[in-house]
């Protein structure tokens, strides 16, 4: 396998082009990470909402039972 050594950058234009490619790659990676994190956070929020709803439904049933058996 023949490996070519990296070529030196000839001028500011090529250098800025290389930097721009690196910056765009990093921005794409950060955007993808942000999307994944937002999806995970939304899933956690949905799970928490469902848990709170279940807990409130259970509390309402217990409250109804207490009201039904308590002397008026």
C-alpha atoms as a PDB file:
ATOM      1  CA  UNK A   1       0.000   0.000   0.000  1.00  0.00           C
ATOM      2  CA  UNK A   2       1.447   3.312  -1.091  1.00  0.00           C
ATOM      3  CA  UNK A   3       0.719   6.322   1.138  1.00  0.00           C
ATOM      4  CA  UNK A   4       1.132   9.839  -0.189  1.00  0.00           C
ATOM      5  CA  UNK A   5       2.427  12.480   2.237  1.00  0.00           C
ATOM      6  CA  UNK A   6       0.174  15.517   2.691  1.00  0.00           C
ATOM      7  CA  UNK A   7       0.783  18.361   0.278  1.00  0.00           C
ATOM      8  CA  UNK A   8       1.608  21.792   1.683  1.00  0.00           C
ATOM      9  CA  UNK A   9      -1.055  24.454   1.318  1.00  0.00           C
ATOM     10  CA  UNK A  10      -0.266  26.907  -1.488  1.00  0.00           C
ATOM     11  CA  UNK A  11      -1.739  30.241  -0.528  1.00  0.00           C
ATOM     12  CA  UNK A  12      -4.344  31.712   1.743  1.00  0.00           C
ATOM     13  CA  UNK A  13      -7.239  30.721  -0.481  1.00  0.00           C
ATOM     14  CA  UNK A  14      -6.481  26.998  -0.172  1.00  0.00           C
ATOM     15  CA  UNK A  15      -5.849  27.363   3.552  1.00  0.00           C
ATOM     16  CA  UNK A  16      -9.184  29.122   4.100  1.00  0.00           C
ATOM     17  CA  UNK A  17     -10.902  26.480   1.958  1.00  0.00           C
ATOM     18  CA  UNK A  18      -9.502  23.720   4.183  1.00  0.00           C
ATOM     19  CA  UNK A  19     -10.538  25.593   7.345  1.00  0.00           C
ATOM     20  CA  UNK A  20     -14.027  26.163   5.919  1.00  0.00           C
ATOM     21  CA  UNK A  21     -14.401  22.437   5.174  1.00  0.00           C
ATOM     22  CA  UNK A  22     -13.398  21.578   8.744  1.00  0.00           C
ATOM     23  CA  UNK A  23     -15.745  24.194  10.233  1.00  0.00           C
ATOM     24  CA  UNK A  24     -18.683  22.997   8.124  1.00  0.00           C
ATOM     25  CA  UNK A  25     -17.999  19.404   9.199  1.00  0.00           C
ATOM     26  CA  UNK A  26     -17.956  20.399  12.858  1.00  0.00           C
ATOM     27  CA  UNK A  27     -21.182  22.404  12.466  1.00  0.00           C
ATOM     28  CA  UNK A  28     -22.895  19.428  10.833  1.00  0.00           C
ATOM     29  CA  UNK A  29     -21.778  17.162  13.683  1.00  0.00           C
ATOM     30  CA  UNK A  30     -22.984  19.636  16.326  1.00  0.00           C
ATOM     31  CA  UNK A  31     -26.339  20.065  14.586  1.00  0.00           C
ATOM     32  CA  UNK A  32     -26.824  16.299  14.405  1.00  0.00           C
ATOM     33  CA  UNK A  33     -25.942  15.969  18.088  1.00  0.00           C
ATOM     34  CA  UNK A  34     -28.422  18.720  18.942  1.00  0.00           C
ATOM     35  CA  UNK A  35     -31.189  16.969  16.991  1.00  0.00           C
ATOM     36  CA  UNK A  36     -30.533  13.655  18.731  1.00  0.00           C
ATOM     37  CA  UNK A  37     -30.417  15.324  22.149  1.00  0.00           C
ATOM     38  CA  UNK A  38     -33.693  17.157  21.464  1.00  0.00           C
ATOM     39  CA  UNK A  39     -35.363  13.889  20.431  1.00  0.00           C
ATOM     40  CA  UNK A  40     -34.123  12.181  23.609  1.00  0.00           C
ATOM     41  CA  UNK A  41     -35.274  15.104  25.752  1.00  0.00           C
ATOM     42  CA  UNK A  42     -38.741  15.084  24.146  1.00  0.00           C
ATOM     43  CA  UNK A  43     -39.028  11.352  24.803  1.00  0.00           C
ATOM     44  CA  UNK A  44     -38.081  11.891  28.458  1.00  0.00           C
ATOM     45  CA  UNK A  45     -40.593  14.733  28.774  1.00  0.00           C
ATOM     46  CA  UNK A  46     -43.353  12.576  27.266  1.00  0.00           C
ATOM     47  CA  UNK A  47     -42.520   9.779  29.700  1.00  0.00           C
ATOM     48  CA  UNK A  48     -42.594  12.198  32.650  1.00  0.00           C
ATOM     49  CA  UNK A  49     -45.939  13.615  31.490  1.00  0.00           C
ATOM     50  CA  UNK A  50     -47.440  10.131  31.289  1.00  0.00           C
ATOM     51  CA  UNK A  51     -46.103   9.303  34.762  1.00  0.00           C
ATOM     52  CA  UNK A  52     -47.645  12.454  36.236  1.00  0.00           C
ATOM     53  CA  UNK A  53     -50.988  11.715  34.541  1.00  0.00           C
ATOM     54  CA  UNK A  54     -50.993   8.165  35.926  1.00  0.00           C
ATOM     55  CA  UNK A  55     -50.158   9.427  39.412  1.00  0.00           C
ATOM     56  CA  UNK A  56     -52.917  12.052  39.295  1.00  0.00           C
ATOM     57  CA  UNK A  57     -55.444   9.478  38.093  1.00  0.00           C
ATOM     58  CA  UNK A  58     -54.515   7.189  40.994  1.00  0.00           C
ATOM     59  CA  UNK A  59     -54.752  10.077  43.458  1.00  0.00           C
ATOM     60  CA  UNK A  60     -58.188  10.991  42.080  1.00  0.00           C
ATOM     61  CA  UNK A  61     -59.433   7.414  42.543  1.00  0.00           C
ATOM     62  CA  UNK A  62     -58.193   7.364  46.147  1.00  0.00           C
ATOM     63  CA  UNK A  63     -59.764  10.753  46.836  1.00  0.00           C
ATOM     64  CA  UNK A  64     -63.085   9.581  45.385  1.00  0.00           C
ATOM     65  CA  UNK A  65     -62.981   6.459  47.570  1.00  0.00           C
ATOM     66  CA  UNK A  66     -62.215   8.531  50.683  1.00  0.00           C
ATOM     67  CA  UNK A  67     -65.101  10.870  49.927  1.00  0.00           C
ATOM     68  CA  UNK A  68     -67.427   7.904  49.375  1.00  0.00           C
ATOM     69  CA  UNK A  69     -66.651   6.239  52.722  1.00  0.00           C
ATOM     70  CA  UNK A  70     -66.250   9.293  54.931  1.00  0.00           C
ATOM     71  CA  UNK A  71     -69.158  10.420  57.092  1.00  0.00           C
ATOM     72  CA  UNK A  72     -70.789  13.551  55.760  1.00  0.00           C
END
